[in-house]
Amino acid sequence: MQLSDFSFDLPDELIAHYPCPQRSASRLLCLARQDGSMQHRHFADLPEFLTAKDLLVFNDTRVIPARLLGRKESGGRIEALIERVLGDSEALAQVRASKSPKPGTRLLFEGEPAEPLVAEVLGREGEFYHLRFATPDLTGQLEIYGHIPLPPYIQREDELADRERYQTVFNRHPGAVAAPTAGLHFDEPLLQRIRALGVDTAHVTLHVGSGTFQPVRVENVLEHRMHSERIIVTAAVCEQIRACRERGGRVIAVGTTSVRTLESAARQSSGAALIEPYSGETDIFIYPGFQFRVVDAMITNFHLSESTLMMLVSAFAGREHILQAYREAVRQRYRFFSYGDAMLLY
């Protein structure tokens, strides 16, 4: 299985640099897994594809303003991307600088307040720097000093509106450095229409890490190693999934992050249970040949060529079906990536 098997051509002008004015006004390409047939709809039409037996599973992570700009105490410019907050005052982060900062280096991050946010480099943990901040409330200070970490293919600086639009309306738990983008299309009126149908909803948590944007650097897909991310699946969600299966409904994952969370928990389960509660790390890598245990349908955005997410949706709907759908989406001028349009794979 080669990396080039998951490649497609995309004109640059189809990359969405801003969201659709209304969340649910995005377009929705509906792809039937069985035969590859397609329908071109709008996201607001989603309730037409749901029944009262179904269960929608959302990722309720919240994106933190994880991008910090500043300088070394010695003067060199730096940029940091917080990967994971550790307690009240420490974090793991990527740090970009002309020279790699050594342990003991003080970093001064700029913001609207007059005083900079100060951090000390404690050392390295793999690709990340271990930083200790001079504050007892790092999460709160990031809200003041940090920038929304827009993906690298969105070629503009973050704006005030991104603080709201690069979040789902159902976010609960801070910790992600990238949004679970399939969830961005849901607004409250659409959620109310879905609930009015009797469709059940559940929430899992996967704190999306910066590794989601890292390219696959090996041609043999099986040699790729996934980054690790934190997930939570509660007992209540497991019970909702069990009840959904008993009534003959479908478990519909909203986003690849929800897919990875559910399938990770299923693989941690013991005995005859389909899925059991789980809280911990996952580095699950889903590619063609993967046997899905929980997810019956999926809502997802359009993904980067040769990415692990292209491999995931290909595993779910078939590589040829996905590539055909992507070619059709390009012909129909769909908007791609985080702020772009969506797909329903069913």
C-alpha atoms as a PDB file:
ATOM      1  CA  MET A   1       0.000   0.000   0.000  1.00  0.00           C
ATOM      2  CA  GLN A   2       1.735   3.137  -1.280  1.00  0.00           C
ATOM      3  CA  LEU A   3       1.337   6.753  -0.252  1.00  0.00           C
ATOM      4  CA  SER A   4       0.644   7.710  -3.872  1.00  0.00           C
ATOM      5  CA  ASP A   5      -2.460   5.485  -3.782  1.00  0.00           C
ATOM      6  CA  PHE A   6      -4.155   8.272  -1.762  1.00  0.00           C
ATOM      7  CA  SER A   7      -3.210  11.205  -3.947  1.00  0.00           C
ATOM      8  CA  PHE A   8      -5.508  13.592  -5.794  1.00  0.00           C
ATOM      9  CA  ASP A   9      -5.105  16.913  -7.607  1.00  0.00           C
ATOM     10  CA  LEU A  10      -6.627  20.021  -6.035  1.00  0.00           C
ATOM     11  CA  PRO A  11      -6.587  23.544  -7.482  1.00  0.00           C
ATOM     12  CA  ASP A  12      -5.374  26.015  -4.863  1.00  0.00           C
ATOM     13  CA  GLU A  13      -8.449  28.197  -5.309  1.00  0.00           C
ATOM     14  CA  LEU A  14     -10.671  25.449  -3.838  1.00  0.00           C
ATOM     15  CA  ILE A  15      -8.973  25.660  -0.427  1.00  0.00           C
ATOM     16  CA  ALA A  16     -11.353  27.483   1.927  1.00  0.00           C
ATOM     17  CA  HIS A  17      -9.566  30.271   3.817  1.00  0.00           C
ATOM     18  CA  TYR A  18     -12.762  31.481   5.506  1.00  0.00           C
ATOM     19  CA  PRO A  19     -15.853  29.621   6.720  1.00  0.00           C
ATOM     20  CA  CYS A  20     -19.212  29.732   5.018  1.00  0.00           C
ATOM     21  CA  PRO A  21     -21.249  32.701   6.389  1.00  0.00           C
ATOM     22  CA  GLN A  22     -23.736  30.263   7.947  1.00  0.00           C
ATOM     23  CA  ARG A  23     -22.477  26.996   9.423  1.00  0.00           C
ATOM     24  CA  SER A  24     -25.198  24.729   8.043  1.00  0.00           C
ATOM     25  CA  ALA A  25     -25.193  26.406   4.611  1.00  0.00           C
ATOM     26  CA  SER A  26     -22.098  24.439   3.585  1.00  0.00           C
ATOM     27  CA  ARG A  27     -22.478  21.906   0.795  1.00  0.00           C
ATOM     28  CA  LEU A  28     -22.774  18.196   1.537  1.00  0.00           C
ATOM     29  CA  LEU A  29     -21.619  15.465  -0.826  1.00  0.00           C
ATOM     30  CA  CYS A  30     -23.481  12.276   0.124  1.00  0.00           C
ATOM     31  CA  LEU A  31     -21.609   9.102  -0.840  1.00  0.00           C
ATOM     32  CA  ALA A  32     -23.235   5.667  -0.607  1.00  0.00           C
ATOM     33  CA  ARG A  33     -20.562   3.161   0.437  1.00  0.00           C
ATOM     34  CA  GLN A  34     -22.356   0.241  -1.165  1.00  0.00           C
ATOM     35  CA  ASP A  35     -22.205   1.387  -4.777  1.00  0.00           C
ATOM     36  CA  GLY A  36     -20.369   4.726  -4.784  1.00  0.00           C
ATOM     37  CA  SER A  37     -23.423   6.679  -5.881  1.00  0.00           C
ATOM     38  CA  MET A  38     -23.461  10.383  -4.987  1.00  0.00           C
ATOM     39  CA  GLN A  39     -25.896  13.168  -4.227  1.00  0.00           C
ATOM     40  CA  HIS A  40     -25.073  16.870  -4.086  1.00  0.00           C
ATOM     41  CA  ARG A  41     -26.921  18.490  -1.191  1.00  0.00           C
ATOM     42  CA  HIS A  42     -26.490  21.147   1.494  1.00  0.00           C
ATOM     43  CA  PHE A  43     -25.566  20.452   5.088  1.00  0.00           C
ATOM     44  CA  ALA A  44     -28.954  21.703   6.267  1.00  0.00           C
ATOM     45  CA  ASP A  45     -30.435  18.678   4.420  1.00  0.00           C
ATOM     46  CA  LEU A  46     -28.696  16.249   6.788  1.00  0.00           C
ATOM     47  CA  PRO A  47     -31.890  15.415   8.776  1.00  0.00           C
ATOM     48  CA  GLU A  48     -33.333  13.825   5.604  1.00  0.00           C
ATOM     49  CA  PHE A  49     -30.670  11.102   5.924  1.00  0.00           C
ATOM     50  CA  LEU A  50     -31.351  10.387   9.623  1.00  0.00           C
ATOM     51  CA  THR A  51     -33.948   8.312  11.472  1.00  0.00           C
ATOM     52  CA  ALA A  52     -35.129   8.229  15.078  1.00  0.00           C
ATOM     53  CA  LYS A  53     -33.173   4.991  15.563  1.00  0.00           C
ATOM     54  CA  ASP A  54     -29.808   6.626  14.828  1.00  0.00           C
ATOM     55  CA  LEU A  55     -27.134   7.925  17.207  1.00  0.00           C
ATOM     56  CA  LEU A  56     -24.953  10.907  16.282  1.00  0.00           C
ATOM     57  CA  VAL A  57     -21.609  10.982  18.114  1.00  0.00           C
ATOM     58  CA  PHE A  58     -19.851  14.358  18.420  1.00  0.00           C
ATOM     59  CA  ASN A  59     -16.350  15.277  19.604  1.00  0.00           C
ATOM     60  CA  ASP A  60     -16.787  17.952  22.287  1.00  0.00           C
ATOM     61  CA  THR A  61     -13.173  19.128  22.530  1.00  0.00           C
ATOM     62  CA  ARG A  62     -12.485  22.873  22.589  1.00  0.00           C
ATOM     63  CA  VAL A  63      -9.652  24.482  20.637  1.00  0.00           C
ATOM     64  CA  ILE A  64      -7.317  26.492  22.849  1.00  0.00           C
ATOM     65  CA  PRO A  65      -5.522  29.655  21.593  1.00  0.00           C
ATOM     66  CA  ALA A  66      -2.338  27.605  21.412  1.00  0.00           C
ATOM     67  CA  ARG A  67      -0.160  29.775  19.143  1.00  0.00           C
ATOM     68  CA  LEU A  68       2.177  32.164  20.970  1.00  0.00           C
ATOM     69  CA  LEU A  69       4.432  34.787  19.401  1.00  0.00           C
ATOM     70  CA  GLY A  70       7.411  36.402  21.075  1.00  0.00           C
ATOM     71  CA  ARG A  71      11.158  36.375  21.531  1.00  0.00           C
ATOM     72  CA  LYS A  72      13.938  34.841  23.521  1.00  0.00           C
ATOM     73  CA  GLU A  73      15.174  36.955  26.390  1.00  0.00           C
ATOM     74  CA  SER A  74      18.321  37.367  24.300  1.00  0.00           C
ATOM     75  CA  GLY A  75      16.256  38.891  21.489  1.00  0.00           C
ATOM     76  CA  GLY A  76      15.680  36.221  18.811  1.00  0.00           C
ATOM     77  CA  ARG A  77      12.112  35.899  17.484  1.00  0.00           C
ATOM     78  CA  ILE A  78      10.202  32.723  18.322  1.00  0.00           C
ATOM     79  CA  GLU A  79       6.840  31.093  17.724  1.00  0.00           C
ATOM     80  CA  ALA A  80       5.416  28.375  19.948  1.00  0.00           C
ATOM     81  CA  LEU A  81       2.508  26.011  19.445  1.00  0.00           C
ATOM     82  CA  ILE A  82       1.251  24.483  22.677  1.00  0.00           C
ATOM     83  CA  GLU A  83       0.667  20.779  22.096  1.00  0.00           C
ATOM     84  CA  ARG A  84      -0.501  19.820  25.579  1.00  0.00           C
ATOM     85  CA  VAL A  85      -1.045  21.697  28.838  1.00  0.00           C
ATOM     86  CA  LEU A  86       0.485  19.868  31.807  1.00  0.00           C
ATOM     87  CA  GLY A  87      -1.129  20.971  35.051  1.00  0.00           C
ATOM     88  CA  ASP A  88      -1.488  24.661  35.864  1.00  0.00           C
ATOM     89  CA  SER A  89       1.791  26.105  34.622  1.00  0.00           C
ATOM     90  CA  GLU A  90       3.627  23.656  32.325  1.00  0.00           C
ATOM     91  CA  ALA A  91       3.151  22.546  28.728  1.00  0.00           C
ATOM     92  CA  LEU A  92       4.665  20.628  25.845  1.00  0.00           C
ATOM     93  CA  ALA A  93       5.106  22.790  22.777  1.00  0.00           C
ATOM     94  CA  GLN A  94       6.656  23.046  19.364  1.00  0.00           C
ATOM     95  CA  VAL A  95       9.039  26.016  19.259  1.00  0.00           C
ATOM     96  CA  ARG A  96      10.247  27.627  16.046  1.00  0.00           C
ATOM     97  CA  ALA A  97      13.385  29.749  16.390  1.00  0.00           C
ATOM     98  CA  SER A  98      16.532  30.549  14.414  1.00  0.00           C
ATOM     99  CA  LYS A  99      18.484  28.514  16.993  1.00  0.00           C
ATOM    100  CA  SER A 100      16.981  25.790  19.173  1.00  0.00           C
ATOM    101  CA  PRO A 101      16.498  27.160  22.705  1.00  0.00           C
ATOM    102  CA  LYS A 102      18.501  25.331  25.366  1.00  0.00           C
ATOM    103  CA  PRO A 103      17.298  24.342  28.864  1.00  0.00           C
ATOM    104  CA  GLY A 104      17.157  27.428  31.050  1.00  0.00           C
ATOM    105  CA  THR A 105      16.323  29.777  28.164  1.00  0.00           C
ATOM    106  CA  ARG A 106      13.577  32.278  29.018  1.00  0.00           C
ATOM    107  CA  LEU A 107      10.909  32.921  26.377  1.00  0.00           C
ATOM    108  CA  LEU A 108       8.839  36.122  26.399  1.00  0.00           C
ATOM    109  CA  PHE A 109       5.483  35.899  24.649  1.00  0.00           C
ATOM    110  CA  GLU A 110       3.670  39.034  23.537  1.00  0.00           C
ATOM    111  CA  GLY A 111       0.040  39.978  23.893  1.00  0.00           C
ATOM    112  CA  GLU A 112      -2.304  42.878  24.548  1.00  0.00           C
ATOM    113  CA  PRO A 113      -1.176  43.214  28.195  1.00  0.00           C
ATOM    114  CA  ALA A 114       1.930  45.313  28.725  1.00  0.00           C
ATOM    115  CA  GLU A 115       3.814  42.539  30.487  1.00  0.00           C
ATOM    116  CA  PRO A 116       4.888  39.485  28.448  1.00  0.00           C
ATOM    117  CA  LEU A 117       3.955  35.929  29.339  1.00  0.00           C
ATOM    118  CA  VAL A 118       7.198  34.317  30.494  1.00  0.00           C
ATOM    119  CA  ALA A 119       8.208  30.678  30.067  1.00  0.00           C
ATOM    120  CA  GLU A 120      11.400  28.762  30.841  1.00  0.00           C
ATOM    121  CA  VAL A 121      12.634  25.879  28.715  1.00  0.00           C
ATOM    122  CA  LEU A 122      13.030  22.809  30.949  1.00  0.00           C
ATOM    123  CA  GLY A 123      14.183  20.418  28.236  1.00  0.00           C
ATOM    124  CA  ARG A 124      13.043  18.295  25.304  1.00  0.00           C
ATOM    125  CA  GLU A 125      10.576  15.415  25.111  1.00  0.00           C
ATOM    126  CA  GLY A 126      10.925  14.023  21.618  1.00  0.00           C
ATOM    127  CA  GLU A 127       9.888  16.697  19.113  1.00  0.00           C
ATOM    128  CA  PHE A 128       8.414  18.926  21.836  1.00  0.00           C
ATOM    129  CA  TYR A 129       9.902  21.385  24.311  1.00  0.00           C
ATOM    130  CA  HIS A 130       8.893  21.141  27.951  1.00  0.00           C
ATOM    131  CA  LEU A 131       8.049  24.673  29.098  1.00  0.00           C
ATOM    132  CA  ARG A 132       7.277  26.056  32.560  1.00  0.00           C
ATOM    133  CA  PHE A 133       5.294  29.295  32.596  1.00  0.00           C
ATOM    134  CA  ALA A 134       5.452  31.950  35.300  1.00  0.00           C
ATOM    135  CA  THR A 135       1.714  31.752  35.910  1.00  0.00           C
ATOM    136  CA  PRO A 136      -0.534  29.513  38.023  1.00  0.00           C
ATOM    137  CA  ASP A 137      -3.258  29.622  35.335  1.00  0.00           C
ATOM    138  CA  LEU A 138      -1.759  28.764  31.953  1.00  0.00           C
ATOM    139  CA  THR A 139      -5.081  27.888  30.320  1.00  0.00           C
ATOM    140  CA  GLY A 140      -6.525  31.247  31.343  1.00  0.00           C
ATOM    141  CA  GLN A 141      -3.437  33.133  30.182  1.00  0.00           C
ATOM    142  CA  LEU A 142      -3.580  31.464  26.764  1.00  0.00           C
ATOM    143  CA  GLU A 143      -6.996  33.062  26.299  1.00  0.00           C
ATOM    144  CA  ILE A 144      -5.294  36.450  26.736  1.00  0.00           C
ATOM    145  CA  TYR A 145      -1.961  35.945  24.966  1.00  0.00           C
ATOM    146  CA  GLY A 146      -2.655  33.138  22.498  1.00  0.00           C
ATOM    147  CA  HIS A 147      -3.782  33.054  18.885  1.00  0.00           C
ATOM    148  CA  ILE A 148      -6.139  30.500  17.338  1.00  0.00           C
ATOM    149  CA  PRO A 149      -3.798  28.010  15.592  1.00  0.00           C
ATOM    150  CA  LEU A 150      -5.287  27.954  12.118  1.00  0.00           C
ATOM    151  CA  PRO A 151      -4.044  25.101   9.887  1.00  0.00           C
ATOM    152  CA  PRO A 152      -1.003  25.848   7.711  1.00  0.00           C
ATOM    153  CA  TYR A 153      -3.022  25.684   4.469  1.00  0.00           C
ATOM    154  CA  ILE A 154      -5.158  28.642   5.622  1.00  0.00           C
ATOM    155  CA  GLN A 155      -2.809  31.331   4.426  1.00  0.00           C
ATOM    156  CA  ARG A 156      -3.790  34.259   6.618  1.00  0.00           C
ATOM    157  CA  GLU A 157      -3.405  35.376  10.201  1.00  0.00           C
ATOM    158  CA  ASP A 158      -6.110  34.428  12.669  1.00  0.00           C
ATOM    159  CA  GLU A 159      -8.872  36.995  13.182  1.00  0.00           C
ATOM    160  CA  LEU A 160     -11.241  37.709  16.057  1.00  0.00           C
ATOM    161  CA  ALA A 161     -14.050  35.825  14.285  1.00  0.00           C
ATOM    162  CA  ASP A 162     -11.976  32.624  14.283  1.00  0.00           C
ATOM    163  CA  ARG A 163     -12.307  32.399  18.077  1.00  0.00           C
ATOM    164  CA  GLU A 164     -15.950  31.515  17.517  1.00  0.00           C
ATOM    165  CA  ARG A 165     -15.997  29.943  14.032  1.00  0.00           C
ATOM    166  CA  TYR A 166     -13.017  27.615  14.577  1.00  0.00           C
ATOM    167  CA  GLN A 167     -15.001  26.025  17.424  1.00  0.00           C
ATOM    168  CA  THR A 168     -18.007  23.741  17.359  1.00  0.00           C
ATOM    169  CA  VAL A 169     -21.160  25.039  19.046  1.00  0.00           C
ATOM    170  CA  PHE A 170     -21.073  21.995  21.354  1.00  0.00           C
ATOM    171  CA  ASN A 171     -17.469  22.329  22.579  1.00  0.00           C
ATOM    172  CA  ARG A 172     -16.994  21.592  26.291  1.00  0.00           C
ATOM    173  CA  HIS A 173     -13.473  20.513  27.196  1.00  0.00           C
ATOM    174  CA  PRO A 174     -10.427  22.699  26.321  1.00  0.00           C
ATOM    175  CA  GLY A 175      -7.368  20.898  25.008  1.00  0.00           C
ATOM    176  CA  ALA A 176      -7.280  20.726  21.198  1.00  0.00           C
ATOM    177  CA  VAL A 177      -4.914  22.638  18.924  1.00  0.00           C
ATOM    178  CA  ALA A 178      -7.065  21.934  15.869  1.00  0.00           C
ATOM    179  CA  ALA A 179     -10.832  21.815  15.482  1.00  0.00           C
ATOM    180  CA  PRO A 180     -12.849  18.641  14.845  1.00  0.00           C
ATOM    181  CA  THR A 181     -13.905  20.266  11.614  1.00  0.00           C
ATOM    182  CA  ALA A 182     -16.876  18.092  10.614  1.00  0.00           C
ATOM    183  CA  GLY A 183     -18.622  19.483  13.682  1.00  0.00           C
ATOM    184  CA  LEU A 184     -18.206  23.076  12.496  1.00  0.00           C
ATOM    185  CA  HIS A 185     -21.221  22.694  10.174  1.00  0.00           C
ATOM    186  CA  PHE A 186     -23.719  22.202  13.003  1.00  0.00           C
ATOM    187  CA  ASP A 187     -25.577  25.196  14.410  1.00  0.00           C
ATOM    188  CA  GLU A 188     -28.279  25.274  17.071  1.00  0.00           C
ATOM    189  CA  PRO A 189     -31.268  25.391  14.672  1.00  0.00           C
ATOM    190  CA  LEU A 190     -29.961  22.297  12.855  1.00  0.00           C
ATOM    191  CA  LEU A 191     -29.318  20.475  16.128  1.00  0.00           C
ATOM    192  CA  GLN A 192     -32.868  21.304  17.249  1.00  0.00           C
ATOM    193  CA  ARG A 193     -34.276  19.854  14.013  1.00  0.00           C
ATOM    194  CA  ILE A 194     -32.235  16.688  14.522  1.00  0.00           C
ATOM    195  CA  ARG A 195     -33.425  16.293  18.120  1.00  0.00           C
ATOM    196  CA  ALA A 196     -37.022  16.897  17.017  1.00  0.00           C
ATOM    197  CA  LEU A 197     -36.727  13.798  14.808  1.00  0.00           C
ATOM    198  CA  GLY A 198     -35.911  11.762  17.905  1.00  0.00           C
ATOM    199  CA  VAL A 199     -32.288  11.196  16.895  1.00  0.00           C
ATOM    200  CA  ASP A 200     -30.097  10.452  19.920  1.00  0.00           C
ATOM    201  CA  THR A 201     -26.808  12.343  20.396  1.00  0.00           C
ATOM    202  CA  ALA A 202     -23.678  11.507  22.374  1.00  0.00           C
ATOM    203  CA  HIS A 203     -20.354  13.206  23.071  1.00  0.00           C
ATOM    204  CA  VAL A 204     -16.849  11.771  23.192  1.00  0.00           C
ATOM    205  CA  THR A 205     -13.609  13.727  23.562  1.00  0.00           C
ATOM    206  CA  LEU A 206     -10.437  13.639  21.475  1.00  0.00           C
ATOM    207  CA  HIS A 207      -8.043  16.532  21.979  1.00  0.00           C
ATOM    208  CA  VAL A 208      -6.712  17.008  18.456  1.00  0.00           C
ATOM    209  CA  GLY A 209      -2.920  17.459  18.406  1.00  0.00           C
ATOM    210  CA  SER A 210      -0.660  19.255  15.954  1.00  0.00           C
ATOM    211  CA  GLY A 211       0.367  15.880  14.550  1.00  0.00           C
ATOM    212  CA  THR A 212      -2.868  15.856  12.573  1.00  0.00           C
ATOM    213  CA  PHE A 213      -1.152  18.263  10.124  1.00  0.00           C
ATOM    214  CA  GLN A 214       2.116  16.334   9.858  1.00  0.00           C
ATOM    215  CA  PRO A 215       2.629  14.826   6.398  1.00  0.00           C
ATOM    216  CA  VAL A 216       3.239  11.123   5.905  1.00  0.00           C
ATOM    217  CA  ARG A 217       6.951  10.925   5.084  1.00  0.00           C
ATOM    218  CA  VAL A 218       7.226   7.274   4.004  1.00  0.00           C
ATOM    219  CA  GLU A 219       6.081   5.807   0.689  1.00  0.00           C
ATOM    220  CA  ASN A 220       5.107   2.490   2.298  1.00  0.00           C
ATOM    221  CA  VAL A 221       2.017   3.434   4.304  1.00  0.00           C
ATOM    222  CA  LEU A 222       2.515   0.568   6.751  1.00  0.00           C
ATOM    223  CA  GLU A 223       5.765   2.150   7.955  1.00  0.00           C
ATOM    224  CA  HIS A 224       4.009   5.318   9.173  1.00  0.00           C
ATOM    225  CA  ARG A 225       3.724   5.884  12.927  1.00  0.00           C
ATOM    226  CA  MET A 226       0.808   7.919  14.227  1.00  0.00           C
ATOM    227  CA  HIS A 227       1.024  10.641  16.867  1.00  0.00           C
ATOM    228  CA  SER A 228      -0.710  10.109  20.213  1.00  0.00           C
ATOM    229  CA  GLU A 229      -3.806  12.007  21.375  1.00  0.00           C
ATOM    230  CA  ARG A 230      -5.952  11.969  24.511  1.00  0.00           C
ATOM    231  CA  ILE A 231      -9.459  10.476  24.335  1.00  0.00           C
ATOM    232  CA  ILE A 232     -12.402   9.951  26.693  1.00  0.00           C
ATOM    233  CA  VAL A 233     -15.359   7.612  26.168  1.00  0.00           C
ATOM    234  CA  THR A 234     -17.786   7.494  29.099  1.00  0.00           C
ATOM    235  CA  ALA A 235     -20.001   4.663  30.334  1.00  0.00           C
ATOM    236  CA  ALA A 236     -23.049   6.693  29.284  1.00  0.00           C
ATOM    237  CA  VAL A 237     -21.850   6.803  25.676  1.00  0.00           C
ATOM    238  CA  CYS A 238     -21.200   3.061  25.689  1.00  0.00           C
ATOM    239  CA  GLU A 239     -24.758   2.495  26.880  1.00  0.00           C
ATOM    240  CA  GLN A 240     -26.125   4.767  24.140  1.00  0.00           C
ATOM    241  CA  ILE A 241     -24.223   2.766  21.526  1.00  0.00           C
ATOM    242  CA  ARG A 242     -25.524  -0.522  22.936  1.00  0.00           C
ATOM    243  CA  ALA A 243     -29.110   0.824  22.882  1.00  0.00           C
ATOM    244  CA  CYS A 244     -28.674   2.101  19.318  1.00  0.00           C
ATOM    245  CA  ARG A 245     -27.575  -1.333  18.137  1.00  0.00           C
ATOM    246  CA  GLU A 246     -30.497  -3.011  19.937  1.00  0.00           C
ATOM    247  CA  ARG A 247     -33.066  -0.802  18.205  1.00  0.00           C
ATOM    248  CA  GLY A 248     -31.471  -1.341  14.790  1.00  0.00           C
ATOM    249  CA  GLY A 249     -30.057   2.188  14.411  1.00  0.00           C
ATOM    250  CA  ARG A 250     -26.769   3.427  13.025  1.00  0.00           C
ATOM    251  CA  VAL A 251     -23.864   4.877  14.993  1.00  0.00           C
ATOM    252  CA  ILE A 252     -22.982   7.973  12.942  1.00  0.00           C
ATOM    253  CA  ALA A 253     -19.635   9.516  13.850  1.00  0.00           C
ATOM    254  CA  VAL A 254     -19.319  13.259  13.329  1.00  0.00           C
ATOM    255  CA  GLY A 255     -15.740  13.600  12.136  1.00  0.00           C
ATOM    256  CA  THR A 256     -12.705  11.380  11.847  1.00  0.00           C
ATOM    257  CA  THR A 257     -11.793  12.249  15.439  1.00  0.00           C
ATOM    258  CA  SER A 258     -15.028  10.670  16.681  1.00  0.00           C
ATOM    259  CA  VAL A 259     -14.326   7.644  14.470  1.00  0.00           C
ATOM    260  CA  ARG A 260     -10.838   7.230  15.917  1.00  0.00           C
ATOM    261  CA  THR A 261     -12.124   7.674  19.463  1.00  0.00           C
ATOM    262  CA  LEU A 262     -14.906   5.098  19.167  1.00  0.00           C
ATOM    263  CA  GLU A 263     -12.813   2.512  17.354  1.00  0.00           C
ATOM    264  CA  SER A 264      -9.935   2.990  19.824  1.00  0.00           C
ATOM    265  CA  ALA A 265     -12.226   2.371  22.779  1.00  0.00           C
ATOM    266  CA  ALA A 266     -13.691  -0.684  21.060  1.00  0.00           C
ATOM    267  CA  ARG A 267     -10.209  -2.152  20.714  1.00  0.00           C
ATOM    268  CA  GLN A 268      -9.525  -1.589  24.402  1.00  0.00           C
ATOM    269  CA  SER A 269     -12.695  -3.454  25.372  1.00  0.00           C
ATOM    270  CA  SER A 270     -12.507  -6.911  26.892  1.00  0.00           C
ATOM    271  CA  GLY A 271     -14.744  -9.932  26.592  1.00  0.00           C
ATOM    272  CA  ALA A 272     -17.933  -9.783  24.571  1.00  0.00           C
ATOM    273  CA  ALA A 273     -18.590  -6.058  25.096  1.00  0.00           C
ATOM    274  CA  LEU A 274     -18.723  -4.059  21.866  1.00  0.00           C
ATOM    275  CA  ILE A 275     -17.283  -0.987  23.566  1.00  0.00           C
ATOM    276  CA  GLU A 276     -16.342  -0.094  27.141  1.00  0.00           C
ATOM    277  CA  PRO A 277     -15.453   3.203  28.851  1.00  0.00           C
ATOM    278  CA  TYR A 278     -11.922   4.375  28.182  1.00  0.00           C
ATOM    279  CA  SER A 279      -9.805   7.364  29.159  1.00  0.00           C
ATOM    280  CA  GLY A 280      -6.219   7.561  27.946  1.00  0.00           C
ATOM    281  CA  GLU A 281      -4.094   7.814  24.823  1.00  0.00           C
ATOM    282  CA  THR A 282      -4.679   6.591  21.299  1.00  0.00           C
ATOM    283  CA  ASP A 283      -2.373   6.352  18.304  1.00  0.00           C
ATOM    284  CA  ILE A 284      -4.762   4.272  16.219  1.00  0.00           C
ATOM    285  CA  PHE A 285      -3.954   4.280  12.495  1.00  0.00           C
ATOM    286  CA  ILE A 286      -6.902   3.423  10.267  1.00  0.00           C
ATOM    287  CA  TYR A 287      -6.148   2.471   6.655  1.00  0.00           C
ATOM    288  CA  PRO A 288      -7.759   0.141   4.077  1.00  0.00           C
ATOM    289  CA  GLY A 289      -8.263  -3.327   5.485  1.00  0.00           C
ATOM    290  CA  PHE A 290      -9.309  -1.966   8.889  1.00  0.00           C
ATOM    291  CA  GLN A 291     -12.374  -3.668  10.393  1.00  0.00           C
ATOM    292  CA  PHE A 292     -14.768  -1.098  11.851  1.00  0.00           C
ATOM    293  CA  ARG A 293     -16.545  -2.354  14.962  1.00  0.00           C
ATOM    294  CA  VAL A 294     -18.712   0.582  16.022  1.00  0.00           C
ATOM    295  CA  VAL A 295     -19.118   3.206  13.294  1.00  0.00           C
ATOM    296  CA  ASP A 296     -21.846   2.654  10.674  1.00  0.00           C
ATOM    297  CA  ALA A 297     -21.791   6.054   8.944  1.00  0.00           C
ATOM    298  CA  MET A 298     -19.591   9.127   9.049  1.00  0.00           C
ATOM    299  CA  ILE A 299     -19.772  12.883   8.494  1.00  0.00           C
ATOM    300  CA  THR A 300     -16.421  14.340   7.476  1.00  0.00           C
ATOM    301  CA  ASN A 301     -14.752  17.223   5.669  1.00  0.00           C
ATOM    302  CA  PHE A 302     -12.511  16.889   2.617  1.00  0.00           C
ATOM    303  CA  HIS A 303      -8.942  15.964   3.550  1.00  0.00           C
ATOM    304  CA  LEU A 304      -5.413  16.630   2.328  1.00  0.00           C
ATOM    305  CA  SER A 305      -3.990  14.487  -0.432  1.00  0.00           C
ATOM    306  CA  GLU A 306      -1.840  11.581   0.855  1.00  0.00           C
ATOM    307  CA  SER A 307      -2.904  12.209   4.459  1.00  0.00           C
ATOM    308  CA  THR A 308      -3.764   9.636   7.120  1.00  0.00           C
ATOM    309  CA  LEU A 309      -7.317  10.983   7.044  1.00  0.00           C
ATOM    310  CA  MET A 310      -7.587  10.171   3.342  1.00  0.00           C
ATOM    311  CA  MET A 311      -6.546   6.651   4.322  1.00  0.00           C
ATOM    312  CA  LEU A 312      -9.194   6.541   7.058  1.00  0.00           C
ATOM    313  CA  VAL A 313     -12.098   7.549   4.810  1.00  0.00           C
ATOM    314  CA  SER A 314     -10.781   5.182   2.126  1.00  0.00           C
ATOM    315  CA  ALA A 315     -10.853   2.372   4.675  1.00  0.00           C
ATOM    316  CA  PHE A 316     -14.466   3.227   5.451  1.00  0.00           C
ATOM    317  CA  ALA A 317     -15.951   3.878   2.014  1.00  0.00           C
ATOM    318  CA  GLY A 318     -13.455   2.256  -0.368  1.00  0.00           C
ATOM    319  CA  ARG A 319     -10.452   3.968  -1.938  1.00  0.00           C
ATOM    320  CA  GLU A 320     -11.873   4.063  -5.462  1.00  0.00           C
ATOM    321  CA  HIS A 321     -15.198   5.460  -4.245  1.00  0.00           C
ATOM    322  CA  ILE A 322     -13.408   8.170  -2.265  1.00  0.00           C
ATOM    323  CA  LEU A 323     -11.097   9.170  -5.105  1.00  0.00           C
ATOM    324  CA  GLN A 324     -14.032   9.275  -7.506  1.00  0.00           C
ATOM    325  CA  ALA A 325     -15.971  11.445  -5.035  1.00  0.00           C
ATOM    326  CA  TYR A 326     -13.019  13.808  -4.624  1.00  0.00           C
ATOM    327  CA  ARG A 327     -12.672  14.184  -8.393  1.00  0.00           C
ATOM    328  CA  GLU A 328     -16.383  14.981  -8.582  1.00  0.00           C
ATOM    329  CA  ALA A 329     -16.067  17.476  -5.702  1.00  0.00           C
ATOM    330  CA  VAL A 330     -13.299  19.268  -7.607  1.00  0.00           C
ATOM    331  CA  ARG A 331     -15.451  19.361 -10.768  1.00  0.00           C
ATOM    332  CA  GLN A 332     -18.370  20.732  -8.767  1.00  0.00           C
ATOM    333  CA  ARG A 333     -16.153  23.352  -7.084  1.00  0.00           C
ATOM    334  CA  TYR A 334     -16.642  22.200  -3.514  1.00  0.00           C
ATOM    335  CA  ARG A 335     -14.632  24.047  -0.862  1.00  0.00           C
ATOM    336  CA  PHE A 336     -11.885  21.954   0.733  1.00  0.00           C
ATOM    337  CA  PHE A 337     -10.327  21.361   4.163  1.00  0.00           C
ATOM    338  CA  SER A 338     -11.083  22.791   7.626  1.00  0.00           C
ATOM    339  CA  TYR A 339     -13.341  25.694   6.639  1.00  0.00           C
ATOM    340  CA  GLY A 340     -14.683  23.880   3.587  1.00  0.00           C
ATOM    341  CA  ASP A 341     -17.662  21.683   2.719  1.00  0.00           C
ATOM    342  CA  ALA A 342     -18.558  18.234   4.053  1.00  0.00           C
ATOM    343  CA  MET A 343     -19.274  14.646   3.073  1.00  0.00           C
ATOM    344  CA  LEU A 344     -21.727  12.077   4.407  1.00  0.00           C
ATOM    345  CA  LEU A 345     -20.428   8.523   4.015  1.00  0.00           C
ATOM    346  CA  TYR A 346     -23.294   6.124   4.607  1.00  0.00           C
END
